[in-house]
N, C-alpha and C. Protein backbone atom coordinates (compact mmCIF):
# COMPACT_ATOMS: atom_id res chain seq x y z
N UNK A 1 5.83 2.99 -42.25
CA UNK A 1 5.74 2.51 -40.90
C UNK A 1 4.26 2.42 -40.52
N UNK A 2 3.86 1.29 -39.95
CA UNK A 2 2.49 1.15 -39.47
C UNK A 2 2.44 1.57 -38.00
N UNK A 3 1.25 1.90 -37.55
CA UNK A 3 1.07 2.34 -36.17
C UNK A 3 0.00 1.50 -35.50
N UNK A 4 0.16 1.34 -34.21
CA UNK A 4 -0.84 0.68 -33.37
C UNK A 4 -1.27 1.67 -32.30
N UNK A 5 -2.44 1.45 -31.75
CA UNK A 5 -2.94 2.34 -30.70
C UNK A 5 -2.59 1.79 -29.33
N UNK A 6 -2.41 2.70 -28.39
CA UNK A 6 -2.14 2.37 -27.00
C UNK A 6 -3.03 3.24 -26.14
N UNK A 7 -3.67 2.65 -25.17
CA UNK A 7 -4.47 3.41 -24.22
C UNK A 7 -3.85 3.20 -22.85
N UNK A 8 -3.63 4.29 -22.14
CA UNK A 8 -3.03 4.20 -20.80
C UNK A 8 -3.71 5.21 -19.89
N UNK A 9 -3.90 4.81 -18.65
CA UNK A 9 -4.40 5.74 -17.64
C UNK A 9 -3.22 6.50 -17.08
N UNK A 10 -3.37 7.81 -16.99
CA UNK A 10 -2.29 8.65 -16.47
C UNK A 10 -2.81 9.48 -15.30
N UNK A 11 -1.96 9.70 -14.31
CA UNK A 11 -2.36 10.60 -13.23
C UNK A 11 -2.67 11.99 -13.80
N UNK A 12 -3.58 12.68 -13.16
CA UNK A 12 -4.01 13.99 -13.63
C UNK A 12 -2.84 14.95 -13.80
N UNK A 13 -1.91 14.95 -12.86
CA UNK A 13 -0.77 15.85 -12.93
C UNK A 13 0.09 15.59 -14.15
N UNK A 14 0.30 14.33 -14.47
CA UNK A 14 1.10 13.96 -15.63
C UNK A 14 0.39 14.37 -16.92
N UNK A 15 -0.91 14.18 -16.96
CA UNK A 15 -1.68 14.59 -18.14
C UNK A 15 -1.61 16.10 -18.33
N UNK A 16 -1.66 16.82 -17.22
CA UNK A 16 -1.55 18.29 -17.26
C UNK A 16 -0.20 18.69 -17.85
N UNK A 17 0.87 18.02 -17.42
CA UNK A 17 2.20 18.32 -17.95
C UNK A 17 2.28 18.03 -19.45
N UNK A 18 1.69 16.91 -19.87
CA UNK A 18 1.70 16.58 -21.29
C UNK A 18 0.95 17.63 -22.11
N UNK A 19 -0.18 18.09 -21.59
CA UNK A 19 -0.95 19.13 -22.29
C UNK A 19 -0.12 20.39 -22.48
N UNK A 20 0.58 20.78 -21.41
CA UNK A 20 1.41 21.98 -21.49
C UNK A 20 2.55 21.80 -22.48
N UNK A 21 3.22 20.66 -22.45
CA UNK A 21 4.29 20.40 -23.41
C UNK A 21 3.78 20.42 -24.84
N UNK A 22 2.63 19.80 -25.04
CA UNK A 22 2.04 19.77 -26.38
C UNK A 22 1.73 21.20 -26.86
N UNK A 23 1.16 22.00 -25.97
CA UNK A 23 0.84 23.38 -26.33
C UNK A 23 2.12 24.17 -26.62
N UNK A 24 3.14 23.97 -25.79
CA UNK A 24 4.41 24.68 -25.99
C UNK A 24 5.05 24.34 -27.33
N UNK A 25 4.85 23.10 -27.79
CA UNK A 25 5.47 22.65 -29.04
C UNK A 25 4.51 22.69 -30.22
N UNK A 26 3.29 23.13 -29.99
CA UNK A 26 2.32 23.25 -31.07
C UNK A 26 1.95 21.92 -31.69
N UNK A 27 1.82 20.90 -30.85
CA UNK A 27 1.50 19.56 -31.36
C UNK A 27 0.53 18.86 -30.42
N UNK A 28 0.28 17.59 -30.66
CA UNK A 28 -0.69 16.85 -29.87
C UNK A 28 -0.04 16.17 -28.66
N UNK A 29 -0.87 15.86 -27.69
CA UNK A 29 -0.42 15.11 -26.52
C UNK A 29 0.13 13.75 -26.97
N UNK A 30 -0.54 13.12 -27.91
CA UNK A 30 -0.11 11.80 -28.39
C UNK A 30 1.29 11.82 -28.97
N UNK A 31 1.61 12.88 -29.71
CA UNK A 31 2.94 12.98 -30.30
C UNK A 31 4.01 13.18 -29.22
N UNK A 32 3.70 14.00 -28.24
CA UNK A 32 4.63 14.20 -27.12
C UNK A 32 4.84 12.88 -26.38
N UNK A 33 3.75 12.17 -26.09
CA UNK A 33 3.86 10.88 -25.39
C UNK A 33 4.68 9.89 -26.22
N UNK A 34 4.45 9.87 -27.52
CA UNK A 34 5.19 8.95 -28.39
C UNK A 34 6.69 9.27 -28.36
N UNK A 35 7.04 10.55 -28.33
CA UNK A 35 8.45 10.95 -28.27
C UNK A 35 9.08 10.48 -26.96
N UNK A 36 8.35 10.63 -25.86
CA UNK A 36 8.89 10.19 -24.57
C UNK A 36 9.01 8.67 -24.50
N UNK A 37 8.04 7.97 -25.05
CA UNK A 37 8.11 6.51 -25.07
C UNK A 37 9.31 6.05 -25.90
N UNK A 38 9.50 6.64 -27.06
CA UNK A 38 10.62 6.26 -27.92
C UNK A 38 11.95 6.52 -27.21
N UNK A 39 12.04 7.68 -26.56
CA UNK A 39 13.28 8.01 -25.84
C UNK A 39 13.50 7.06 -24.67
N UNK A 40 12.45 6.73 -23.97
CA UNK A 40 12.57 5.79 -22.84
C UNK A 40 13.00 4.41 -23.30
N UNK A 41 12.46 3.95 -24.41
CA UNK A 41 12.84 2.64 -24.94
C UNK A 41 14.31 2.64 -25.37
N UNK A 42 14.76 3.74 -25.96
CA UNK A 42 16.17 3.85 -26.35
C UNK A 42 17.09 3.72 -25.13
N UNK A 43 16.61 4.14 -23.99
CA UNK A 43 17.42 4.15 -22.78
C UNK A 43 16.93 3.12 -21.75
N UNK A 44 16.34 2.04 -22.21
CA UNK A 44 15.72 1.06 -21.32
C UNK A 44 16.70 0.43 -20.34
N UNK A 45 17.98 0.40 -20.67
CA UNK A 45 18.98 -0.18 -19.76
C UNK A 45 19.57 0.83 -18.79
N UNK A 46 19.21 2.08 -18.94
CA UNK A 46 19.71 3.14 -18.06
C UNK A 46 19.16 2.92 -16.64
N UNK A 47 20.01 2.99 -15.62
CA UNK A 47 19.54 2.78 -14.24
C UNK A 47 18.41 3.72 -13.83
N UNK A 48 18.42 4.96 -14.32
CA UNK A 48 17.33 5.89 -13.97
C UNK A 48 16.01 5.45 -14.58
N UNK A 49 16.05 4.94 -15.80
CA UNK A 49 14.83 4.45 -16.45
C UNK A 49 14.33 3.20 -15.72
N UNK A 50 15.25 2.31 -15.38
CA UNK A 50 14.88 1.10 -14.64
C UNK A 50 14.26 1.47 -13.30
N UNK A 51 14.84 2.45 -12.61
CA UNK A 51 14.29 2.90 -11.33
C UNK A 51 12.89 3.47 -11.50
N UNK A 52 12.68 4.24 -12.56
CA UNK A 52 11.36 4.82 -12.83
C UNK A 52 10.34 3.72 -13.09
N UNK A 53 10.72 2.72 -13.87
CA UNK A 53 9.82 1.60 -14.15
C UNK A 53 9.48 0.86 -12.85
N UNK A 54 10.49 0.61 -12.04
CA UNK A 54 10.29 -0.08 -10.76
C UNK A 54 9.34 0.69 -9.86
N UNK A 55 9.51 2.02 -9.81
CA UNK A 55 8.62 2.87 -9.01
C UNK A 55 7.18 2.80 -9.52
N UNK A 56 7.01 2.85 -10.83
CA UNK A 56 5.66 2.79 -11.41
C UNK A 56 4.99 1.44 -11.11
N UNK A 57 5.76 0.35 -11.23
CA UNK A 57 5.21 -0.97 -10.93
C UNK A 57 4.78 -1.03 -9.47
N UNK A 58 5.60 -0.51 -8.59
CA UNK A 58 5.27 -0.50 -7.16
C UNK A 58 4.02 0.33 -6.88
N UNK A 59 3.94 1.53 -7.47
CA UNK A 59 2.74 2.36 -7.28
C UNK A 59 1.48 1.68 -7.79
N UNK A 60 1.60 0.98 -8.92
CA UNK A 60 0.43 0.31 -9.49
C UNK A 60 -0.02 -0.84 -8.59
N UNK A 61 0.93 -1.58 -8.03
CA UNK A 61 0.57 -2.67 -7.10
C UNK A 61 -0.16 -2.11 -5.89
N UNK A 62 0.34 -1.01 -5.37
CA UNK A 62 -0.30 -0.38 -4.21
C UNK A 62 -1.71 0.09 -4.59
N UNK A 63 -1.84 0.72 -5.74
CA UNK A 63 -3.15 1.22 -6.20
C UNK A 63 -4.14 0.08 -6.38
N UNK A 64 -3.69 -1.00 -7.05
CA UNK A 64 -4.59 -2.14 -7.28
C UNK A 64 -4.93 -2.85 -5.98
N UNK A 65 -3.98 -2.91 -5.06
CA UNK A 65 -4.25 -3.51 -3.76
C UNK A 65 -5.33 -2.75 -3.01
N UNK A 66 -5.25 -1.42 -3.06
CA UNK A 66 -6.25 -0.59 -2.39
C UNK A 66 -7.62 -0.79 -3.02
N UNK A 67 -7.66 -0.89 -4.34
CA UNK A 67 -8.93 -1.13 -5.04
C UNK A 67 -9.50 -2.48 -4.63
N UNK A 68 -8.65 -3.50 -4.57
CA UNK A 68 -9.09 -4.84 -4.17
C UNK A 68 -9.62 -4.87 -2.75
N UNK A 69 -8.90 -4.20 -1.84
CA UNK A 69 -9.36 -4.16 -0.45
C UNK A 69 -10.70 -3.45 -0.32
N UNK A 70 -10.87 -2.37 -1.07
CA UNK A 70 -12.14 -1.64 -1.04
C UNK A 70 -13.27 -2.51 -1.59
N UNK A 71 -13.01 -3.21 -2.69
CA UNK A 71 -14.02 -4.09 -3.28
C UNK A 71 -14.41 -5.20 -2.30
N UNK A 72 -13.43 -5.79 -1.64
CA UNK A 72 -13.74 -6.85 -0.69
C UNK A 72 -14.52 -6.31 0.51
N UNK A 73 -14.17 -5.13 0.97
CA UNK A 73 -14.90 -4.52 2.09
C UNK A 73 -16.34 -4.25 1.68
N UNK A 74 -16.54 -3.77 0.47
CA UNK A 74 -17.91 -3.52 -0.01
C UNK A 74 -18.70 -4.81 -0.12
N UNK A 75 -18.06 -5.87 -0.64
CA UNK A 75 -18.73 -7.17 -0.74
C UNK A 75 -19.11 -7.70 0.63
N UNK A 76 -18.19 -7.57 1.56
CA UNK A 76 -18.44 -8.06 2.91
C UNK A 76 -19.60 -7.28 3.54
N UNK A 77 -19.60 -5.96 3.35
CA UNK A 77 -20.68 -5.13 3.89
C UNK A 77 -22.02 -5.50 3.26
N UNK A 78 -22.02 -5.79 1.95
CA UNK A 78 -23.26 -6.20 1.27
C UNK A 78 -23.77 -7.52 1.83
N UNK A 79 -22.85 -8.46 2.07
CA UNK A 79 -23.26 -9.76 2.62
C UNK A 79 -23.88 -9.58 4.00
N UNK A 80 -23.30 -8.71 4.82
CA UNK A 80 -23.85 -8.47 6.15
C UNK A 80 -25.24 -7.84 6.06
N UNK A 81 -25.45 -6.98 5.09
CA UNK A 81 -26.72 -6.28 4.94
C UNK A 81 -27.80 -7.17 4.32
N UNK A 82 -27.42 -8.21 3.59
CA UNK A 82 -28.42 -9.06 2.93
C UNK A 82 -28.74 -10.31 3.71
N UNK A 83 -27.98 -10.62 4.75
CA UNK A 83 -28.29 -11.81 5.56
C UNK A 83 -29.54 -11.56 6.38
N UNK A 84 -30.37 -12.60 6.41
CA UNK A 84 -31.59 -12.49 7.21
C UNK A 84 -31.24 -12.76 8.67
N UNK A 85 -31.86 -12.01 9.59
CA UNK A 85 -31.59 -12.25 11.01
C UNK A 85 -32.08 -13.64 11.42
N UNK A 86 -31.37 -14.23 12.36
CA UNK A 86 -31.74 -15.57 12.84
C UNK A 86 -32.92 -15.54 13.76
């Protein structure tokens, strides 16, 4: 079996939980994450899994929206600060 790499940003609390699980099982965070991903894919049609995916998509949209609004506010503030007075 060949393997590919995956990089994902995780909330600090979730990363903390993965570290503890890995320590409890004497293995790596990556192996624990891989086990959860495999189990989630096996149950991809389960309503609870679908609900979890939907929640994550919603949280990500909210997070990205906040980042976009902050970036636009910063750009607008920069434009106001760089305009020469009339």
